[in-house]
PDB file of N, CA and C in Angstrom:
ATOM      1  N   UNK A   1       0.512  78.604   4.260  1.00  0.00           N
ATOM      2  CA  UNK A   1       0.639  79.414   5.464  1.00  0.00           C
ATOM      3  C   UNK A   1       2.124  79.632   5.753  1.00  0.00           C
ATOM      4  N   UNK A   2       2.515  80.873   5.929  1.00  0.00           N
ATOM      5  CA  UNK A   2       3.912  81.207   6.220  1.00  0.00           C
ATOM      6  C   UNK A   2       4.114  81.228   7.728  1.00  0.00           C
ATOM      7  N   UNK A   3       4.910  80.256   8.202  1.00  0.00           N
ATOM      8  CA  UNK A   3       5.194  80.110   9.624  1.00  0.00           C
ATOM      9  C   UNK A   3       6.660  80.426   9.886  1.00  0.00           C
ATOM     10  N   UNK A   4       6.918  81.158  10.970  1.00  0.00           N
ATOM     11  CA  UNK A   4       8.290  81.427  11.411  1.00  0.00           C
ATOM     12  C   UNK A   4       8.395  81.086  12.897  1.00  0.00           C
ATOM     13  N   UNK A   5       9.620  80.866  13.341  1.00  0.00           N
ATOM     14  CA  UNK A   5       9.832  80.677  14.779  1.00  0.00           C
ATOM     15  C   UNK A   5      10.683  81.820  15.310  1.00  0.00           C
ATOM     16  N   UNK A   6      10.445  82.114  16.567  1.00  0.00           N
ATOM     17  CA  UNK A   6      11.229  83.117  17.283  1.00  0.00           C
ATOM     18  C   UNK A   6      11.799  82.407  18.512  1.00  0.00           C
ATOM     19  N   UNK A   7      13.006  81.833  18.400  1.00  0.00           N
ATOM     20  CA  UNK A   7      13.596  81.100  19.509  1.00  0.00           C
ATOM     21  C   UNK A   7      14.338  82.018  20.476  1.00  0.00           C
ATOM     22  N   UNK A   8      14.400  81.609  21.714  1.00  0.00           N
ATOM     23  CA  UNK A   8      15.159  82.364  22.705  1.00  0.00           C
ATOM     24  C   UNK A   8      15.010  81.751  24.075  1.00  0.00           C
ATOM     25  N   UNK A   9      15.730  82.317  25.032  1.00  0.00           N
ATOM     26  CA  UNK A   9      15.589  81.833  26.406  1.00  0.00           C
ATOM     27  C   UNK A   9      14.437  82.539  27.107  1.00  0.00           C
ATOM     28  N   UNK A  10      14.168  83.790  26.748  1.00  0.00           N
ATOM     29  CA  UNK A  10      13.061  84.565  27.317  1.00  0.00           C
ATOM     30  C   UNK A  10      13.073  84.492  28.847  1.00  0.00           C
ATOM     31  N   UNK A  11      14.220  84.833  29.415  1.00  0.00           N
ATOM     32  CA  UNK A  11      14.429  84.696  30.862  1.00  0.00           C
ATOM     33  C   UNK A  11      14.738  86.045  31.503  1.00  0.00           C
ATOM     34  N   UNK A  12      13.748  86.878  31.703  1.00  0.00           N
ATOM     35  CA  UNK A  12      12.318  86.748  31.417  1.00  0.00           C
ATOM     36  C   UNK A  12      11.974  87.387  30.085  1.00  0.00           C
ATOM     37  N   UNK A  13      10.718  87.260  29.680  1.00  0.00           N
ATOM     38  CA  UNK A  13      10.225  87.933  28.480  1.00  0.00           C
ATOM     39  C   UNK A  13      10.237  89.438  28.744  1.00  0.00           C
ATOM     40  N   UNK A  14      10.625  90.217  27.725  1.00  0.00           N
ATOM     41  CA  UNK A  14      10.739  91.675  27.882  1.00  0.00           C
ATOM     42  C   UNK A  14       9.846  92.390  26.874  1.00  0.00           C
ATOM     43  N   UNK A  15       9.711  93.696  27.044  1.00  0.00           N
ATOM     44  CA  UNK A  15       8.980  94.504  26.073  1.00  0.00           C
ATOM     45  C   UNK A  15       9.653  94.451  24.699  1.00  0.00           C
ATOM     46  N   UNK A  16      10.962  94.315  24.686  1.00  0.00           N
ATOM     47  CA  UNK A  16      11.684  94.178  23.418  1.00  0.00           C
ATOM     48  C   UNK A  16      11.269  92.910  22.685  1.00  0.00           C
ATOM     49  N   UNK A  17      11.144  91.802  23.426  1.00  0.00           N
ATOM     50  CA  UNK A  17      10.674  90.553  22.819  1.00  0.00           C
ATOM     51  C   UNK A  17       9.274  90.731  22.238  1.00  0.00           C
ATOM     52  N   UNK A  18       8.395  91.346  23.016  1.00  0.00           N
ATOM     53  CA  UNK A  18       7.013  91.558  22.581  1.00  0.00           C
ATOM     54  C   UNK A  18       6.976  92.413  21.315  1.00  0.00           C
ATOM     55  N   UNK A  19       7.827  93.429  21.245  1.00  0.00           N
ATOM     56  CA  UNK A  19       7.896  94.293  20.062  1.00  0.00           C
ATOM     57  C   UNK A  19       8.297  93.488  18.822  1.00  0.00           C
ATOM     58  N   UNK A  20       9.299  92.635  18.956  1.00  0.00           N
ATOM     59  CA  UNK A  20       9.743  91.803  17.829  1.00  0.00           C
ATOM     60  C   UNK A  20       8.608  90.877  17.392  1.00  0.00           C
ATOM     61  N   UNK A  21       7.899  90.301  18.343  1.00  0.00           N
ATOM     62  CA  UNK A  21       6.793  89.388  18.034  1.00  0.00           C
ATOM     63  C   UNK A  21       5.678  90.126  17.298  1.00  0.00           C
ATOM     64  N   UNK A  22       5.318  91.316  17.769  1.00  0.00           N
ATOM     65  CA  UNK A  22       4.268  92.100  17.097  1.00  0.00           C
ATOM     66  C   UNK A  22       4.656  92.419  15.653  1.00  0.00           C
ATOM     67  N   UNK A  23       5.912  92.744  15.436  1.00  0.00           N
ATOM     68  CA  UNK A  23       6.365  93.051  14.080  1.00  0.00           C
ATOM     69  C   UNK A  23       6.299  91.801  13.192  1.00  0.00           C
ATOM     70  N   UNK A  24       6.674  90.664  13.745  1.00  0.00           N
ATOM     71  CA  UNK A  24       6.623  89.413  12.983  1.00  0.00           C
ATOM     72  C   UNK A  24       5.183  89.022  12.654  1.00  0.00           C
ATOM     73  N   UNK A  25       4.247  89.328  13.561  1.00  0.00           N
ATOM     74  CA  UNK A  25       2.837  89.012  13.337  1.00  0.00           C
ATOM     75  C   UNK A  25       2.304  89.692  12.083  1.00  0.00           C
ATOM     76  N   UNK A  26       2.790  90.876  11.799  1.00  0.00           N
ATOM     77  CA  UNK A  26       2.335  91.627  10.631  1.00  0.00           C
ATOM     78  C   UNK A  26       2.896  91.063   9.326  1.00  0.00           C
ATOM     79  N   UNK A  27       3.972  90.306   9.419  1.00  0.00           N
ATOM     80  CA  UNK A  27       4.643  89.802   8.220  1.00  0.00           C
ATOM     81  C   UNK A  27       4.322  88.349   7.889  1.00  0.00           C
ATOM     82  N   UNK A  28       3.940  87.568   8.916  1.00  0.00           N
ATOM     83  CA  UNK A  28       3.766  86.133   8.726  1.00  0.00           C
ATOM     84  C   UNK A  28       2.413  85.670   9.267  1.00  0.00           C
ATOM     85  N   UNK A  29       1.933  84.542   8.738  1.00  0.00           N
ATOM     86  CA  UNK A  29       0.643  84.002   9.145  1.00  0.00           C
ATOM     87  C   UNK A  29       0.679  83.395  10.547  1.00  0.00           C
ATOM     88  N   UNK A  30       1.809  82.785  10.909  1.00  0.00           N
ATOM     89  CA  UNK A  30       1.929  82.103  12.200  1.00  0.00           C
ATOM     90  C   UNK A  30       3.326  82.353  12.764  1.00  0.00           C
ATOM     91  N   UNK A  31       3.376  82.771  14.029  1.00  0.00           N
ATOM     92  CA  UNK A  31       4.641  83.001  14.722  1.00  0.00           C
ATOM     93  C   UNK A  31       4.694  82.039  15.908  1.00  0.00           C
ATOM     94  N   UNK A  32       5.688  81.168  15.911  1.00  0.00           N
ATOM     95  CA  UNK A  32       5.882  80.230  17.010  1.00  0.00           C
ATOM     96  C   UNK A  32       7.018  80.762  17.880  1.00  0.00           C
ATOM     97  N   UNK A  33       6.668  81.214  19.080  1.00  0.00           N
ATOM     98  CA  UNK A  33       7.656  81.698  20.038  1.00  0.00           C
ATOM     99  C   UNK A  33       8.090  80.469  20.832  1.00  0.00           C
ATOM    100  N   UNK A  34       9.357  80.129  20.743  1.00  0.00           N
ATOM    101  CA  UNK A  34       9.799  78.860  21.301  1.00  0.00           C
ATOM    102  C   UNK A  34      10.948  79.051  22.299  1.00  0.00           C
ATOM    103  N   UNK A  35      10.754  78.512  23.474  1.00  0.00           N
ATOM    104  CA  UNK A  35      11.716  78.644  24.572  1.00  0.00           C
ATOM    105  C   UNK A  35      12.768  77.547  24.452  1.00  0.00           C
ATOM    106  N   UNK A  36      14.033  77.960  24.452  1.00  0.00           N
ATOM    107  CA  UNK A  36      15.141  77.015  24.356  1.00  0.00           C
ATOM    108  C   UNK A  36      15.391  76.352  25.714  1.00  0.00           C
ATOM    109  N   UNK A  37      15.477  75.051  25.686  1.00  0.00           N
ATOM    110  CA  UNK A  37      15.864  74.290  26.875  1.00  0.00           C
ATOM    111  C   UNK A  37      17.370  74.071  26.780  1.00  0.00           C
ATOM    112  N   UNK A  38      18.130  74.851  27.551  1.00  0.00           N
ATOM    113  CA  UNK A  38      19.589  74.802  27.466  1.00  0.00           C
ATOM    114  C   UNK A  38      20.153  74.387  28.821  1.00  0.00           C
ATOM    115  N   UNK A  39      20.598  73.134  28.945  1.00  0.00           N
ATOM    116  CA  UNK A  39      21.107  72.651  30.236  1.00  0.00           C
ATOM    117  C   UNK A  39      22.408  73.322  30.678  1.00  0.00           C
ATOM    118  N   UNK A  40      23.094  74.001  29.773  1.00  0.00           N
ATOM    119  CA  UNK A  40      24.355  74.664  30.100  1.00  0.00           C
ATOM    120  C   UNK A  40      24.115  75.970  30.864  1.00  0.00           C
ATOM    121  N   UNK A  41      23.018  76.657  30.548  1.00  0.00           N
ATOM    122  CA  UNK A  41      22.713  77.936  31.189  1.00  0.00           C
ATOM    123  C   UNK A  41      22.017  77.719  32.530  1.00  0.00           C
ATOM    124  N   UNK A  42      22.127  78.711  33.402  1.00  0.00           N
ATOM    125  CA  UNK A  42      21.436  78.701  34.690  1.00  0.00           C
ATOM    126  C   UNK A  42      20.401  79.827  34.695  1.00  0.00           C
ATOM    127  N   UNK A  43      19.223  79.563  34.145  1.00  0.00           N
ATOM    128  CA  UNK A  43      18.220  80.624  34.034  1.00  0.00           C
ATOM    129  C   UNK A  43      17.608  81.001  35.380  1.00  0.00           C
ATOM    130  N   UNK A  44      17.056  82.191  35.426  1.00  0.00           N
ATOM    131  CA  UNK A  44      16.384  82.669  36.626  1.00  0.00           C
ATOM    132  C   UNK A  44      15.046  81.934  36.808  1.00  0.00           C
ATOM    133  N   UNK A  45      14.343  81.656  35.689  1.00  0.00           N
ATOM    134  CA  UNK A  45      13.052  80.985  35.726  1.00  0.00           C
ATOM    135  C   UNK A  45      13.150  79.628  35.037  1.00  0.00           C
ATOM    136  N   UNK A  46      12.318  78.686  35.458  1.00  0.00           N
ATOM    137  CA  UNK A  46      12.288  77.381  34.803  1.00  0.00           C
ATOM    138  C   UNK A  46      11.643  77.520  33.430  1.00  0.00           C
ATOM    139  N   UNK A  47      11.793  76.500  32.605  1.00  0.00           N
ATOM    140  CA  UNK A  47      11.170  76.523  31.281  1.00  0.00           C
ATOM    141  C   UNK A  47       9.660  76.639  31.421  1.00  0.00           C
ATOM    142  N   UNK A  48       9.076  75.896  32.343  1.00  0.00           N
ATOM    143  CA  UNK A  48       7.626  75.956  32.544  1.00  0.00           C
ATOM    144  C   UNK A  48       7.165  77.350  32.967  1.00  0.00           C
ATOM    145  N   UNK A  49       7.926  78.003  33.833  1.00  0.00           N
ATOM    146  CA  UNK A  49       7.579  79.368  34.258  1.00  0.00           C
ATOM    147  C   UNK A  49       7.660  80.339  33.087  1.00  0.00           C
ATOM    148  N   UNK A  50       8.684  80.170  32.246  1.00  0.00           N
ATOM    149  CA  UNK A  50       8.832  81.049  31.085  1.00  0.00           C
ATOM    150  C   UNK A  50       7.710  80.822  30.073  1.00  0.00           C
ATOM    151  N   UNK A  51       7.299  79.573  29.912  1.00  0.00           N
ATOM    152  CA  UNK A  51       6.176  79.278  29.013  1.00  0.00           C
ATOM    153  C   UNK A  51       4.901  79.941  29.521  1.00  0.00           C
ATOM    154  N   UNK A  52       4.665  79.881  30.821  1.00  0.00           N
ATOM    155  CA  UNK A  52       3.477  80.516  31.412  1.00  0.00           C
ATOM    156  C   UNK A  52       3.521  82.025  31.209  1.00  0.00           C
ATOM    157  N   UNK A  53       4.682  82.639  31.456  1.00  0.00           N
ATOM    158  CA  UNK A  53       4.817  84.090  31.257  1.00  0.00           C
ATOM    159  C   UNK A  53       4.521  84.479  29.812  1.00  0.00           C
ATOM    160  N   UNK A  54       5.078  83.716  28.881  1.00  0.00           N
ATOM    161  CA  UNK A  54       4.860  84.021  27.467  1.00  0.00           C
ATOM    162  C   UNK A  54       3.391  83.860  27.091  1.00  0.00           C
ATOM    163  N   UNK A  55       2.766  82.794  27.554  1.00  0.00           N
ATOM    164  CA  UNK A  55       1.348  82.578  27.243  1.00  0.00           C
ATOM    165  C   UNK A  55       0.491  83.693  27.825  1.00  0.00           C
ATOM    166  N   UNK A  56       0.830  84.166  29.017  1.00  0.00           N
ATOM    167  CA  UNK A  56       0.099  85.290  29.620  1.00  0.00           C
ATOM    168  C   UNK A  56       0.247  86.556  28.778  1.00  0.00           C
ATOM    169  N   UNK A  57       1.454  86.828  28.294  1.00  0.00           N
ATOM    170  CA  UNK A  57       1.727  88.041  27.522  1.00  0.00           C
ATOM    171  C   UNK A  57       1.166  87.975  26.100  1.00  0.00           C
ATOM    172  N   UNK A  58       1.111  86.771  25.534  1.00  0.00           N
ATOM    173  CA  UNK A  58       0.804  86.631  24.112  1.00  0.00           C
ATOM    174  C   UNK A  58      -0.560  86.007  23.835  1.00  0.00           C
ATOM    175  N   UNK A  59      -1.291  85.679  24.861  1.00  0.00           N
ATOM    176  CA  UNK A  59      -2.565  84.985  24.696  1.00  0.00           C
ATOM    177  C   UNK A  59      -3.580  85.709  23.837  1.00  0.00           C
ATOM    178  N   UNK A  60      -3.510  87.016  23.772  1.00  0.00           N
ATOM    179  CA  UNK A  60      -4.489  87.798  23.005  1.00  0.00           C
ATOM    180  C   UNK A  60      -4.204  87.807  21.503  1.00  0.00           C
ATOM    181  N   UNK A  61      -3.047  87.341  21.097  1.00  0.00           N
ATOM    182  CA  UNK A  61      -2.678  87.341  19.681  1.00  0.00           C
ATOM    183  C   UNK A  61      -3.053  86.001  19.046  1.00  0.00           C
ATOM    184  N   UNK A  62      -3.896  86.042  18.009  1.00  0.00           N
ATOM    185  CA  UNK A  62      -4.430  84.823  17.393  1.00  0.00           C
ATOM    186  C   UNK A  62      -3.388  83.991  16.653  1.00  0.00           C
ATOM    187  N   UNK A  63      -2.433  84.648  16.035  1.00  0.00           N
ATOM    188  CA  UNK A  63      -1.482  83.908  15.199  1.00  0.00           C
ATOM    189  C   UNK A  63      -0.126  83.668  15.870  1.00  0.00           C
ATOM    190  N   UNK A  64      -0.091  83.763  17.213  1.00  0.00           N
ATOM    191  CA  UNK A  64       1.151  83.520  17.955  1.00  0.00           C
ATOM    192  C   UNK A  64       0.958  82.294  18.839  1.00  0.00           C
ATOM    193  N   UNK A  65       1.912  81.374  18.775  1.00  0.00           N
ATOM    194  CA  UNK A  65       1.863  80.143  19.550  1.00  0.00           C
ATOM    195  C   UNK A  65       3.148  80.013  20.355  1.00  0.00           C
ATOM    196  N   UNK A  66       3.048  79.439  21.535  1.00  0.00           N
ATOM    197  CA  UNK A  66       4.201  79.293  22.432  1.00  0.00           C
ATOM    198  C   UNK A  66       4.576  77.820  22.512  1.00  0.00           C
ATOM    199  N   UNK A  67       5.877  77.551  22.439  1.00  0.00           N
ATOM    200  CA  UNK A  67       6.388  76.186  22.410  1.00  0.00           C
ATOM    201  C   UNK A  67       7.752  76.165  23.099  1.00  0.00           C
ATOM    202  N   UNK A  68       8.331  74.996  23.235  1.00  0.00           N
ATOM    203  CA  UNK A  68       9.702  74.878  23.742  1.00  0.00           C
ATOM    204  C   UNK A  68      10.410  73.794  22.943  1.00  0.00           C
ATOM    205  N   UNK A  69      11.744  73.819  23.001  1.00  0.00           N
ATOM    206  CA  UNK A  69      12.514  72.821  22.263  1.00  0.00           C
ATOM    207  C   UNK A  69      13.856  72.594  22.943  1.00  0.00           C
ATOM    208  N   UNK A  70      14.463  71.480  22.585  1.00  0.00           N
ATOM    209  CA  UNK A  70      15.818  71.166  23.036  1.00  0.00           C
ATOM    210  C   UNK A  70      16.578  70.690  21.809  1.00  0.00           C
ATOM    211  N   UNK A  71      17.784  71.149  21.633  1.00  0.00           N
ATOM    212  CA  UNK A  71      18.567  70.758  20.473  1.00  0.00           C
ATOM    213  C   UNK A  71      18.820  71.931  19.551  1.00  0.00           C
ATOM    214  N   UNK A  72      18.910  71.645  18.263  1.00  0.00           N
ATOM    215  CA  UNK A  72      19.223  72.671  17.277  1.00  0.00           C
ATOM    216  C   UNK A  72      17.970  73.428  16.851  1.00  0.00           C
ATOM    217  N   UNK A  73      18.098  74.733  16.748  1.00  0.00           N
ATOM    218  CA  UNK A  73      16.983  75.591  16.332  1.00  0.00           C
ATOM    219  C   UNK A  73      16.503  75.189  14.948  1.00  0.00           C
ATOM    220  N   UNK A  74      17.421  74.912  14.045  1.00  0.00           N
ATOM    221  CA  UNK A  74      17.054  74.589  12.671  1.00  0.00           C
ATOM    222  C   UNK A  74      16.225  73.307  12.619  1.00  0.00           C
ATOM    223  N   UNK A  75      16.505  72.344  13.486  1.00  0.00           N
ATOM    224  CA  UNK A  75      15.707  71.115  13.537  1.00  0.00           C
ATOM    225  C   UNK A  75      14.294  71.409  14.027  1.00  0.00           C
ATOM    226  N   UNK A  76      14.188  72.269  15.025  1.00  0.00           N
ATOM    227  CA  UNK A  76      12.870  72.637  15.536  1.00  0.00           C
ATOM    228  C   UNK A  76      12.077  73.411  14.476  1.00  0.00           C
ATOM    229  N   UNK A  77      12.756  74.259  13.730  1.00  0.00           N
ATOM    230  CA  UNK A  77      12.096  75.008  12.654  1.00  0.00           C
ATOM    231  C   UNK A  77      11.495  74.040  11.634  1.00  0.00           C
ATOM    232  N   UNK A  78      12.232  73.011  11.285  1.00  0.00           N
ATOM    233  CA  UNK A  78      11.716  72.005  10.345  1.00  0.00           C
ATOM    234  C   UNK A  78      10.510  71.288  10.928  1.00  0.00           C
ATOM    235  N   UNK A  79      10.566  70.967  12.229  1.00  0.00           N
ATOM    236  CA  UNK A  79       9.467  70.253  12.888  1.00  0.00           C
ATOM    237  C   UNK A  79       8.152  71.023  12.812  1.00  0.00           C
ATOM    238  N   UNK A  80       8.212  72.340  12.961  1.00  0.00           N
ATOM    239  CA  UNK A  80       6.984  73.142  12.962  1.00  0.00           C
ATOM    240  C   UNK A  80       6.648  73.690  11.569  1.00  0.00           C
ATOM    241  N   UNK A  81       7.465  73.356  10.574  1.00  0.00           N
ATOM    242  CA  UNK A  81       7.204  73.803   9.211  1.00  0.00           C
ATOM    243  C   UNK A  81       7.505  75.270   8.970  1.00  0.00           C
ATOM    244  N   UNK A  82       8.467  75.807   9.710  1.00  0.00           N
ATOM    245  CA  UNK A  82       8.814  77.227   9.588  1.00  0.00           C
ATOM    246  C   UNK A  82       9.616  77.488   8.316  1.00  0.00           C
ATOM    247  N   UNK A  83       9.344  78.639   7.721  1.00  0.00           N
ATOM    248  CA  UNK A  83      10.113  79.060   6.543  1.00  0.00           C
ATOM    249  C   UNK A  83      11.253  79.998   6.934  1.00  0.00           C
ATOM    250  N   UNK A  84      11.283  80.398   8.215  1.00  0.00           N
ATOM    251  CA  UNK A  84      12.330  81.311   8.657  1.00  0.00           C
ATOM    252  C   UNK A  84      12.431  81.379  10.168  1.00  0.00           C
ATOM    253  N   UNK A  85      13.492  82.022  10.620  1.00  0.00           N
ATOM    254  CA  UNK A  85      13.768  82.200  12.042  1.00  0.00           C
ATOM    255  C   UNK A  85      13.872  83.696  12.308  1.00  0.00           C
ATOM    256  N   UNK A  86      13.091  84.172  13.265  1.00  0.00           N
ATOM    257  CA  UNK A  86      13.100  85.589  13.643  1.00  0.00           C
ATOM    258  C   UNK A  86      14.132  85.789  14.748  1.00  0.00           C
ATOM    259  N   UNK A  87      14.914  86.847  14.639  1.00  0.00           N
ATOM    260  CA  UNK A  87      15.892  87.189  15.664  1.00  0.00           C
ATOM    261  C   UNK A  87      15.852  88.689  15.904  1.00  0.00           C
ATOM    262  N   UNK A  88      16.124  89.094  17.111  1.00  0.00           N
ATOM    263  CA  UNK A  88      16.208  90.511  17.440  1.00  0.00           C
ATOM    264  C   UNK A  88      17.658  90.897  17.676  1.00  0.00           C
ATOM    265  N   UNK A  89      17.983  92.136  17.391  1.00  0.00           N
ATOM    266  CA  UNK A  89      19.331  92.641  17.630  1.00  0.00           C
ATOM    267  C   UNK A  89      19.266  93.788  18.627  1.00  0.00           C
ATOM    268  N   UNK A  90      20.033  93.686  19.701  1.00  0.00           N
ATOM    269  CA  UNK A  90      20.077  94.750  20.696  1.00  0.00           C
ATOM    270  C   UNK A  90      21.132  95.779  20.357  1.00  0.00           C
ATOM    271  N   UNK A  91      22.217  95.318  19.771  1.00  0.00           N
ATOM    272  CA  UNK A  91      23.333  96.213  19.443  1.00  0.00           C
ATOM    273  C   UNK A  91      23.972  95.744  18.139  1.00  0.00           C
ATOM    274  N   UNK A  92      24.765  96.595  17.562  1.00  0.00           N
ATOM    275  CA  UNK A  92      25.457  96.247  16.311  1.00  0.00           C
ATOM    276  C   UNK A  92      26.324  95.009  16.517  1.00  0.00           C
ATOM    277  N   UNK A  93      26.907  94.856  17.691  1.00  0.00           N
ATOM    278  CA  UNK A  93      27.772  93.707  17.955  1.00  0.00           C
ATOM    279  C   UNK A  93      27.006  92.385  17.871  1.00  0.00           C
ATOM    280  N   UNK A  94      25.677  92.404  18.090  1.00  0.00           N
ATOM    281  CA  UNK A  94      24.872  91.188  17.966  1.00  0.00           C
ATOM    282  C   UNK A  94      24.811  90.700  16.522  1.00  0.00           C
ATOM    283  N   UNK A  95      24.961  91.629  15.566  1.00  0.00           N
ATOM    284  CA  UNK A  95      24.811  91.262  14.163  1.00  0.00           C
ATOM    285  C   UNK A  95      25.814  90.204  13.740  1.00  0.00           C
ATOM    286  N   UNK A  96      27.072  90.349  14.121  1.00  0.00           N
ATOM    287  CA  UNK A  96      28.110  89.398  13.713  1.00  0.00           C
ATOM    288  C   UNK A  96      27.769  87.984  14.189  1.00  0.00           C
ATOM    289  N   UNK A  97      27.380  87.860  15.444  1.00  0.00           N
ATOM    290  CA  UNK A  97      27.016  86.552  16.000  1.00  0.00           C
ATOM    291  C   UNK A  97      25.802  85.974  15.260  1.00  0.00           C
ATOM    292  N   UNK A  98      24.763  86.781  15.086  1.00  0.00           N
ATOM    293  CA  UNK A  98      23.542  86.316  14.423  1.00  0.00           C
ATOM    294  C   UNK A  98      23.805  85.958  12.962  1.00  0.00           C
ATOM    295  N   UNK A  99      24.672  86.690  12.307  1.00  0.00           N
ATOM    296  CA  UNK A  99      25.018  86.404  10.918  1.00  0.00           C
ATOM    297  C   UNK A  99      25.691  85.041  10.804  1.00  0.00           C
ATOM    298  N   UNK A 100      26.631  84.758  11.704  1.00  0.00           N
ATOM    299  CA  UNK A 100      27.294  83.454  11.711  1.00  0.00           C
ATOM    300  C   UNK A 100      26.308  82.325  11.968  1.00  0.00           C
ATOM    301  N   UNK A 101      25.380  82.554  12.900  1.00  0.00           N
ATOM    302  CA  UNK A 101      24.356  81.543  13.198  1.00  0.00           C
ATOM    303  C   UNK A 101      23.454  81.309  11.989  1.00  0.00           C
ATOM    304  N   UNK A 102      23.099  82.368  11.288  1.00  0.00           N
ATOM    305  CA  UNK A 102      22.249  82.246  10.102  1.00  0.00           C
ATOM    306  C   UNK A 102      22.948  81.420   9.009  1.00  0.00           C
ATOM    307  N   UNK A 103      24.233  81.655   8.830  1.00  0.00           N
ATOM    308  CA  UNK A 103      24.976  80.882   7.828  1.00  0.00           C
ATOM    309  C   UNK A 103      25.030  79.401   8.208  1.00  0.00           C
ATOM    310  N   UNK A 104      25.240  79.107   9.460  1.00  0.00           N
ATOM    311  CA  UNK A 104      25.272  77.701   9.915  1.00  0.00           C
ATOM    312  C   UNK A 104      23.899  77.058   9.741  1.00  0.00           C
ATOM    313  N   UNK A 105      22.836  77.760  10.104  1.00  0.00           N
ATOM    314  CA  UNK A 105      21.485  77.213   9.980  1.00  0.00           C
ATOM    315  C   UNK A 105      21.119  76.982   8.509  1.00  0.00           C
ATOM    316  N   UNK A 106      21.598  77.852   7.634  1.00  0.00           N
ATOM    317  CA  UNK A 106      21.314  77.686   6.208  1.00  0.00           C
ATOM    318  C   UNK A 106      21.922  76.401   5.686  1.00  0.00           C
ATOM    319  N   UNK A 107      23.145  76.082   6.150  1.00  0.00           N
ATOM    320  CA  UNK A 107      23.810  74.840   5.733  1.00  0.00           C
ATOM    321  C   UNK A 107      23.122  73.643   6.334  1.00  0.00           C
TER     322      UNK A 107
END
């Protein structure tokens, strides 16, 4: 089974997030949407509220699961048996940051 994770703050979940998730569903057997617990950020919604919102939006999809994590994304990916990490890009400028993160996660 090919499992991937889609990490993020999802504060709040948007139509863009849902679009990325739908696209990932077509490519992989299991998509784990995972909310980052980041004590440095001041989110608008609590982690529990964001989990509820995601479950409400994604409950109809059989191969999508909602989770949360604290720490490194790559460690969480290993915990759930993911073969990859899904990321969305809003602008070209996001690519440089995401590329650097991908190289670090690969190491």
